[in-house]
Amino acid sequence: MIRKNISIDLKDKERAVKSLNVYYIDDKKIRLATHKGSKHFTLPSNIPEQAVKVTVEMMDSQKFSFSFGIRNGNRYN
């Protein structure tokens, strides 16, 4: 099985990002990756299956969040 890094880009061209926070589990610890002023993040390819939480604060003080799941293989036998 080939594992690839997971990359996400926010496509909003009109508003600037103040901070983008990504929460995920690695080595049984919760990790926080903070990206100041960036609309892009990449997760490592070796993280376990999980739900990833992302919070974004825009320069105009608007905030939003979203979650997505990561699966690392085929579940069909």
PDB file of N, CA and C in Angstrom:
ATOM      1  N   MET A   1       0.842  -1.172   0.000  1.00  0.00           N
ATOM      2  CA  MET A   1       0.000   0.000   0.000  1.00  0.00           C
ATOM      3  C   MET A   1       0.893   1.243   0.000  1.00  0.00           C
ATOM      4  N   ILE A   2       0.597   2.163  -0.868  1.00  0.00           N
ATOM      5  CA  ILE A   2       1.331   3.425  -0.936  1.00  0.00           C
ATOM      6  C   ILE A   2       0.573   4.476  -0.152  1.00  0.00           C
ATOM      7  N   ARG A   3       1.236   5.110   0.782  1.00  0.00           N
ATOM      8  CA  ARG A   3       0.614   6.181   1.562  1.00  0.00           C
ATOM      9  C   ARG A   3       1.149   7.509   1.068  1.00  0.00           C
ATOM     10  N   LYS A   4       0.267   8.471   0.981  1.00  0.00           N
ATOM     11  CA  LYS A   4       0.665   9.801   0.531  1.00  0.00           C
ATOM     12  C   LYS A   4       0.292  10.823   1.581  1.00  0.00           C
ATOM     13  N   ASN A   5       1.004  11.924   1.587  1.00  0.00           N
ATOM     14  CA  ASN A   5       0.641  13.025   2.464  1.00  0.00           C
ATOM     15  C   ASN A   5      -0.716  13.563   2.048  1.00  0.00           C
ATOM     16  N   ILE A   6      -1.434  14.134   3.003  1.00  0.00           N
ATOM     17  CA  ILE A   6      -2.744  14.730   2.757  1.00  0.00           C
ATOM     18  C   ILE A   6      -2.569  16.236   2.750  1.00  0.00           C
ATOM     19  N   SER A   7      -2.948  16.872   1.658  1.00  0.00           N
ATOM     20  CA  SER A   7      -2.817  18.325   1.530  1.00  0.00           C
ATOM     21  C   SER A   7      -4.191  18.955   1.336  1.00  0.00           C
ATOM     22  N   ILE A   8      -4.419  20.063   2.003  1.00  0.00           N
ATOM     23  CA  ILE A   8      -5.680  20.797   1.906  1.00  0.00           C
ATOM     24  C   ILE A   8      -5.371  22.250   1.570  1.00  0.00           C
ATOM     25  N   ASP A   9      -6.104  22.803   0.624  1.00  0.00           N
ATOM     26  CA  ASP A   9      -6.004  24.217   0.264  1.00  0.00           C
ATOM     27  C   ASP A   9      -7.363  24.862   0.442  1.00  0.00           C
ATOM     28  N   LEU A  10      -7.419  26.017   1.105  1.00  0.00           N
ATOM     29  CA  LEU A  10      -8.645  26.806   1.188  1.00  0.00           C
ATOM     30  C   LEU A  10      -8.661  27.732  -0.020  1.00  0.00           C
ATOM     31  N   LYS A  11      -9.762  27.767  -0.730  1.00  0.00           N
ATOM     32  CA  LYS A  11      -9.809  28.477  -2.010  1.00  0.00           C
ATOM     33  C   LYS A  11     -10.386  29.891  -1.927  1.00  0.00           C
ATOM     34  N   ASP A  12     -10.650  30.415  -0.758  1.00  0.00           N
ATOM     35  CA  ASP A  12     -11.207  31.770  -0.622  1.00  0.00           C
ATOM     36  C   ASP A  12     -10.151  32.797  -1.026  1.00  0.00           C
ATOM     37  N   LYS A  13     -10.368  33.495  -2.125  1.00  0.00           N
ATOM     38  CA  LYS A  13      -9.398  34.467  -2.622  1.00  0.00           C
ATOM     39  C   LYS A  13      -9.654  35.869  -2.092  1.00  0.00           C
ATOM     40  N   GLU A  14     -10.834  36.097  -1.516  1.00  0.00           N
ATOM     41  CA  GLU A  14     -11.212  37.445  -1.093  1.00  0.00           C
ATOM     42  C   GLU A  14     -10.778  37.785   0.329  1.00  0.00           C
ATOM     43  N   ARG A  15     -10.633  36.791   1.163  1.00  0.00           N
ATOM     44  CA  ARG A  15     -10.303  37.056   2.564  1.00  0.00           C
ATOM     45  C   ARG A  15      -8.971  36.429   2.937  1.00  0.00           C
ATOM     46  N   ALA A  16      -8.251  37.114   3.797  1.00  0.00           N
ATOM     47  CA  ALA A  16      -6.952  36.619   4.270  1.00  0.00           C
ATOM     48  C   ALA A  16      -7.139  35.800   5.550  1.00  0.00           C
ATOM     49  N   VAL A  17      -6.327  34.779   5.696  1.00  0.00           N
ATOM     50  CA  VAL A  17      -6.358  33.916   6.877  1.00  0.00           C
ATOM     51  C   VAL A  17      -5.415  34.469   7.938  1.00  0.00           C
ATOM     52  N   LYS A  18      -5.934  34.603   9.141  1.00  0.00           N
ATOM     53  CA  LYS A  18      -5.101  35.005  10.280  1.00  0.00           C
ATOM     54  C   LYS A  18      -4.364  33.789  10.837  1.00  0.00           C
ATOM     55  N   SER A  19      -5.108  32.712  11.107  1.00  0.00           N
ATOM     56  CA  SER A  19      -4.480  31.477  11.583  1.00  0.00           C
ATOM     57  C   SER A  19      -5.325  30.277  11.177  1.00  0.00           C
ATOM     58  N   LEU A  20      -4.641  29.171  10.948  1.00  0.00           N
ATOM     59  CA  LEU A  20      -5.261  27.912  10.590  1.00  0.00           C
ATOM     60  C   LEU A  20      -4.678  26.872  11.537  1.00  0.00           C
ATOM     61  N   ASN A  21      -5.539  26.241  12.349  1.00  0.00           N
ATOM     62  CA  ASN A  21      -5.094  25.260  13.336  1.00  0.00           C
ATOM     63  C   ASN A  21      -5.603  23.877  12.945  1.00  0.00           C
ATOM     64  N   VAL A  22      -4.710  22.905  12.944  1.00  0.00           N
ATOM     65  CA  VAL A  22      -5.055  21.537  12.574  1.00  0.00           C
ATOM     66  C   VAL A  22      -4.753  20.635  13.773  1.00  0.00           C
ATOM     67  N   TYR A  23      -5.774  19.906  14.238  1.00  0.00           N
ATOM     68  CA  TYR A  23      -5.626  19.000  15.369  1.00  0.00           C
ATOM     69  C   TYR A  23      -5.711  17.564  14.858  1.00  0.00           C
ATOM     70  N   TYR A  24      -4.715  16.737  15.223  1.00  0.00           N
ATOM     71  CA  TYR A  24      -4.726  15.331  14.839  1.00  0.00           C
ATOM     72  C   TYR A  24      -3.942  14.537  15.872  1.00  0.00           C
ATOM     73  N   ILE A  25      -4.051  13.215  15.816  1.00  0.00           N
ATOM     74  CA  ILE A  25      -3.374  12.333  16.770  1.00  0.00           C
ATOM     75  C   ILE A  25      -2.184  11.690  16.084  1.00  0.00           C
ATOM     76  N   ASP A  26      -1.043  11.720  16.773  1.00  0.00           N
ATOM     77  CA  ASP A  26       0.174  11.084  16.284  1.00  0.00           C
ATOM     78  C   ASP A  26       0.926  10.558  17.501  1.00  0.00           C
ATOM     79  N   ASP A  27       1.355   9.325  17.453  1.00  0.00           N
ATOM     80  CA  ASP A  27       2.051   8.691  18.590  1.00  0.00           C
ATOM     81  C   ASP A  27       1.232   8.789  19.873  1.00  0.00           C
ATOM     82  N   LYS A  28      -0.081   8.581  19.756  1.00  0.00           N
ATOM     83  CA  LYS A  28      -1.016   8.580  20.887  1.00  0.00           C
ATOM     84  C   LYS A  28      -1.088   9.921  21.608  1.00  0.00           C
ATOM     85  N   LYS A  29      -0.676  10.996  20.942  1.00  0.00           N
ATOM     86  CA  LYS A  29      -0.761  12.344  21.508  1.00  0.00           C
ATOM     87  C   LYS A  29      -1.508  13.242  20.536  1.00  0.00           C
ATOM     88  N   ILE A  30      -2.246  14.183  21.078  1.00  0.00           N
ATOM     89  CA  ILE A  30      -2.916  15.165  20.226  1.00  0.00           C
ATOM     90  C   ILE A  30      -1.891  16.187  19.778  1.00  0.00           C
ATOM     91  N   ARG A  31      -1.816  16.393  18.490  1.00  0.00           N
ATOM     92  CA  ARG A  31      -0.874  17.350  17.901  1.00  0.00           C
ATOM     93  C   ARG A  31      -1.644  18.556  17.393  1.00  0.00           C
ATOM     94  N   LEU A  32      -1.035  19.702  17.486  1.00  0.00           N
ATOM     95  CA  LEU A  32      -1.594  20.932  16.946  1.00  0.00           C
ATOM     96  C   LEU A  32      -0.581  21.527  15.990  1.00  0.00           C
ATOM     97  N   ALA A  33      -0.998  21.707  14.757  1.00  0.00           N
ATOM     98  CA  ALA A  33      -0.158  22.376  13.768  1.00  0.00           C
ATOM     99  C   ALA A  33      -0.818  23.716  13.470  1.00  0.00           C
ATOM    100  N   THR A  34      -0.137  24.809  13.774  1.00  0.00           N
ATOM    101  CA  THR A  34      -0.673  26.145  13.530  1.00  0.00           C
ATOM    102  C   THR A  34       0.049  26.763  12.347  1.00  0.00           C
ATOM    103  N   HIS A  35      -0.737  27.287  11.428  1.00  0.00           N
ATOM    104  CA  HIS A  35      -0.195  27.926  10.229  1.00  0.00           C
ATOM    105  C   HIS A  35      -0.692  29.367  10.217  1.00  0.00           C
ATOM    106  N   LYS A  36       0.169  30.302  10.455  1.00  0.00           N
ATOM    107  CA  LYS A  36      -0.185  31.725  10.470  1.00  0.00           C
ATOM    108  C   LYS A  36      -0.224  32.270   9.051  1.00  0.00           C
ATOM    109  N   GLY A  37      -1.364  32.845   8.670  1.00  0.00           N
ATOM    110  CA  GLY A  37      -1.489  33.483   7.370  1.00  0.00           C
ATOM    111  C   GLY A  37      -1.504  32.544   6.177  1.00  0.00           C
ATOM    112  N   SER A  38      -1.643  31.253   6.400  1.00  0.00           N
ATOM    113  CA  SER A  38      -1.600  30.289   5.311  1.00  0.00           C
ATOM    114  C   SER A  38      -2.977  29.697   5.047  1.00  0.00           C
ATOM    115  N   LYS A  39      -3.253  29.393   3.796  1.00  0.00           N
ATOM    116  CA  LYS A  39      -4.486  28.716   3.419  1.00  0.00           C
ATOM    117  C   LYS A  39      -4.208  27.267   3.023  1.00  0.00           C
ATOM    118  N   HIS A  40      -3.064  26.749   3.387  1.00  0.00           N
ATOM    119  CA  HIS A  40      -2.650  25.411   2.973  1.00  0.00           C
ATOM    120  C   HIS A  40      -2.025  24.671   4.156  1.00  0.00           C
ATOM    121  N   PHE A  41      -2.316  23.375   4.261  1.00  0.00           N
ATOM    122  CA  PHE A  41      -1.599  22.542   5.221  1.00  0.00           C
ATOM    123  C   PHE A  41      -1.470  21.135   4.661  1.00  0.00           C
ATOM    124  N   THR A  42      -0.459  20.429   5.149  1.00  0.00           N
ATOM    125  CA  THR A  42      -0.206  19.052   4.746  1.00  0.00           C
ATOM    126  C   THR A  42      -0.029  18.217   6.004  1.00  0.00           C
ATOM    127  N   LEU A  43      -0.712  17.079   6.036  1.00  0.00           N
ATOM    128  CA  LEU A  43      -0.571  16.144   7.150  1.00  0.00           C
ATOM    129  C   LEU A  43       0.413  15.044   6.759  1.00  0.00           C
ATOM    130  N   PRO A  44       1.148  14.494   7.745  1.00  0.00           N
ATOM    131  CA  PRO A  44       2.084  13.412   7.431  1.00  0.00           C
ATOM    132  C   PRO A  44       1.341  12.162   6.949  1.00  0.00           C
ATOM    133  N   SER A  45       2.004  11.357   6.161  1.00  0.00           N
ATOM    134  CA  SER A  45       1.367  10.166   5.596  1.00  0.00           C
ATOM    135  C   SER A  45       1.234   9.020   6.591  1.00  0.00           C
ATOM    136  N   ASN A  46       1.948   9.066   7.683  1.00  0.00           N
ATOM    137  CA  ASN A  46       1.974   7.934   8.613  1.00  0.00           C
ATOM    138  C   ASN A  46       1.031   8.081   9.799  1.00  0.00           C
ATOM    139  N   ILE A  47       0.125   9.057   9.814  1.00  0.00           N
ATOM    140  CA  ILE A  47      -0.773   9.186  10.961  1.00  0.00           C
ATOM    141  C   ILE A  47      -1.861   8.116  10.876  1.00  0.00           C
ATOM    142  N   PRO A  48      -2.363   7.655  12.032  1.00  0.00           N
ATOM    143  CA  PRO A  48      -3.371   6.589  12.034  1.00  0.00           C
ATOM    144  C   PRO A  48      -4.736   7.097  11.580  1.00  0.00           C
ATOM    145  N   GLU A  49      -5.650   6.147  11.343  1.00  0.00           N
ATOM    146  CA  GLU A  49      -7.019   6.508  10.999  1.00  0.00           C
ATOM    147  C   GLU A  49      -7.610   7.362  12.113  1.00  0.00           C
ATOM    148  N   GLN A  50      -8.311   8.418  11.725  1.00  0.00           N
ATOM    149  CA  GLN A  50      -8.855   9.323  12.729  1.00  0.00           C
ATOM    150  C   GLN A  50      -9.699  10.400  12.081  1.00  0.00           C
ATOM    151  N   ALA A  51     -10.343  11.185  12.918  1.00  0.00           N
ATOM    152  CA  ALA A  51     -11.009  12.405  12.468  1.00  0.00           C
ATOM    153  C   ALA A  51     -10.056  13.563  12.744  1.00  0.00           C
ATOM    154  N   VAL A  52      -9.893  14.443  11.769  1.00  0.00           N
ATOM    155  CA  VAL A  52      -9.007  15.600  11.887  1.00  0.00           C
ATOM    156  C   VAL A  52      -9.884  16.839  12.019  1.00  0.00           C
ATOM    157  N   LYS A  53      -9.565  17.699  12.963  1.00  0.00           N
ATOM    158  CA  LYS A  53     -10.319  18.932  13.214  1.00  0.00           C
ATOM    159  C   LYS A  53      -9.497  20.119  12.733  1.00  0.00           C
ATOM    160  N   VAL A  54     -10.121  21.027  11.996  1.00  0.00           N
ATOM    161  CA  VAL A  54      -9.457  22.223  11.486  1.00  0.00           C
ATOM    162  C   VAL A  54     -10.272  23.440  11.917  1.00  0.00           C
ATOM    163  N   THR A  55      -9.607  24.428  12.497  1.00  0.00           N
ATOM    164  CA  THR A  55     -10.254  25.700  12.819  1.00  0.00           C
ATOM    165  C   THR A  55      -9.508  26.804  12.077  1.00  0.00           C
ATOM    166  N   VAL A  56     -10.277  27.747  11.538  1.00  0.00           N
ATOM    167  CA  VAL A  56      -9.695  28.829  10.747  1.00  0.00           C
ATOM    168  C   VAL A  56     -10.227  30.151  11.273  1.00  0.00           C
ATOM    169  N   GLU A  57      -9.315  31.105  11.493  1.00  0.00           N
ATOM    170  CA  GLU A  57      -9.704  32.467  11.851  1.00  0.00           C
ATOM    171  C   GLU A  57      -9.230  33.385  10.734  1.00  0.00           C
ATOM    172  N   MET A  58     -10.174  34.131  10.187  1.00  0.00           N
ATOM    173  CA  MET A  58      -9.869  35.053   9.099  1.00  0.00           C
ATOM    174  C   MET A  58      -9.443  36.399   9.689  1.00  0.00           C
ATOM    175  N   MET A  59      -8.804  37.226   8.894  1.00  0.00           N
ATOM    176  CA  MET A  59      -8.360  38.555   9.331  1.00  0.00           C
ATOM    177  C   MET A  59      -9.530  39.450   9.726  1.00  0.00           C
ATOM    178  N   ASP A  60     -10.709  39.218   9.140  1.00  0.00           N
ATOM    179  CA  ASP A  60     -11.887  40.020   9.483  1.00  0.00           C
ATOM    180  C   ASP A  60     -12.639  39.453  10.691  1.00  0.00           C
ATOM    181  N   SER A  61     -11.975  38.618  11.503  1.00  0.00           N
ATOM    182  CA  SER A  61     -12.474  38.031  12.754  1.00  0.00           C
ATOM    183  C   SER A  61     -13.519  36.939  12.563  1.00  0.00           C
ATOM    184  N   GLN A  62     -13.850  36.574  11.340  1.00  0.00           N
ATOM    185  CA  GLN A  62     -14.751  35.445  11.133  1.00  0.00           C
ATOM    186  C   GLN A  62     -13.995  34.158  11.415  1.00  0.00           C
ATOM    187  N   LYS A  63     -14.717  33.202  12.003  1.00  0.00           N
ATOM    188  CA  LYS A  63     -14.122  31.914  12.335  1.00  0.00           C
ATOM    189  C   LYS A  63     -14.996  30.808  11.773  1.00  0.00           C
ATOM    190  N   PHE A  64     -14.370  29.731  11.347  1.00  0.00           N
ATOM    191  CA  PHE A  64     -15.118  28.544  10.958  1.00  0.00           C
ATOM    192  C   PHE A  64     -14.256  27.322  11.220  1.00  0.00           C
ATOM    193  N   SER A  65     -14.901  26.177  11.250  1.00  0.00           N
ATOM    194  CA  SER A  65     -14.167  24.933  11.472  1.00  0.00           C
ATOM    195  C   SER A  65     -14.803  23.829  10.634  1.00  0.00           C
ATOM    196  N   PHE A  66     -14.024  22.796  10.420  1.00  0.00           N
ATOM    197  CA  PHE A  66     -14.526  21.615   9.732  1.00  0.00           C
ATOM    198  C   PHE A  66     -13.708  20.410  10.170  1.00  0.00           C
ATOM    199  N   SER A  67     -14.263  19.244   9.959  1.00  0.00           N
ATOM    200  CA  SER A  67     -13.596  17.987  10.291  1.00  0.00           C
ATOM    201  C   SER A  67     -13.662  17.069   9.084  1.00  0.00           C
ATOM    202  N   PHE A  68     -12.703  16.161   9.009  1.00  0.00           N
ATOM    203  CA  PHE A  68     -12.739  15.134   7.975  1.00  0.00           C
ATOM    204  C   PHE A  68     -12.057  13.891   8.511  1.00  0.00           C
ATOM    205  N   GLY A  69     -12.410  12.757   7.952  1.00  0.00           N
ATOM    206  CA  GLY A  69     -11.861  11.485   8.395  1.00  0.00           C
ATOM    207  C   GLY A  69     -10.759  10.989   7.477  1.00  0.00           C
ATOM    208  N   ILE A  70      -9.833  10.245   8.065  1.00  0.00           N
ATOM    209  CA  ILE A  70      -8.732   9.623   7.321  1.00  0.00           C
ATOM    210  C   ILE A  70      -8.855   8.119   7.508  1.00  0.00           C
ATOM    211  N   ARG A  71      -8.823   7.401   6.405  1.00  0.00           N
ATOM    212  CA  ARG A  71      -8.797   5.942   6.452  1.00  0.00           C
ATOM    213  C   ARG A  71      -7.542   5.475   5.743  1.00  0.00           C
ATOM    214  N   ASN A  72      -6.920   4.453   6.284  1.00  0.00           N
ATOM    215  CA  ASN A  72      -5.632   3.997   5.756  1.00  0.00           C
ATOM    216  C   ASN A  72      -5.687   2.660   5.032  1.00  0.00           C
ATOM    217  N   GLY A  73      -6.814   2.272   4.547  1.00  0.00           N
ATOM    218  CA  GLY A  73      -6.814   0.991   3.828  1.00  0.00           C
ATOM    219  C   GLY A  73      -8.193   0.559   3.414  1.00  0.00           C
ATOM    220  N   ASN A  74      -8.215  -0.532   2.725  1.00  0.00           N
ATOM    221  CA  ASN A  74      -9.451  -1.102   2.234  1.00  0.00           C
ATOM    222  C   ASN A  74     -10.058  -1.981   3.329  1.00  0.00           C
ATOM    223  N   ARG A  75     -11.321  -1.784   3.630  1.00  0.00           N
ATOM    224  CA  ARG A  75     -11.986  -2.541   4.700  1.00  0.00           C
ATOM    225  C   ARG A  75     -12.743  -3.746   4.190  1.00  0.00           C
ATOM    226  N   TYR A  76     -12.697  -4.038   2.901  1.00  0.00           N
ATOM    227  CA  TYR A  76     -13.411  -5.179   2.348  1.00  0.00           C
ATOM    228  C   TYR A  76     -12.501  -6.390   2.361  1.00  0.00           C
ATOM    229  N   ASN A  77     -13.031  -7.526   2.789  1.00  0.00           N
ATOM    230  CA  ASN A  77     -12.260  -8.775   2.825  1.00  0.00           C
ATOM    231  C   ASN A  77     -12.529  -9.607   1.599  1.00  0.00           C
TER     232      ASN A  77
END
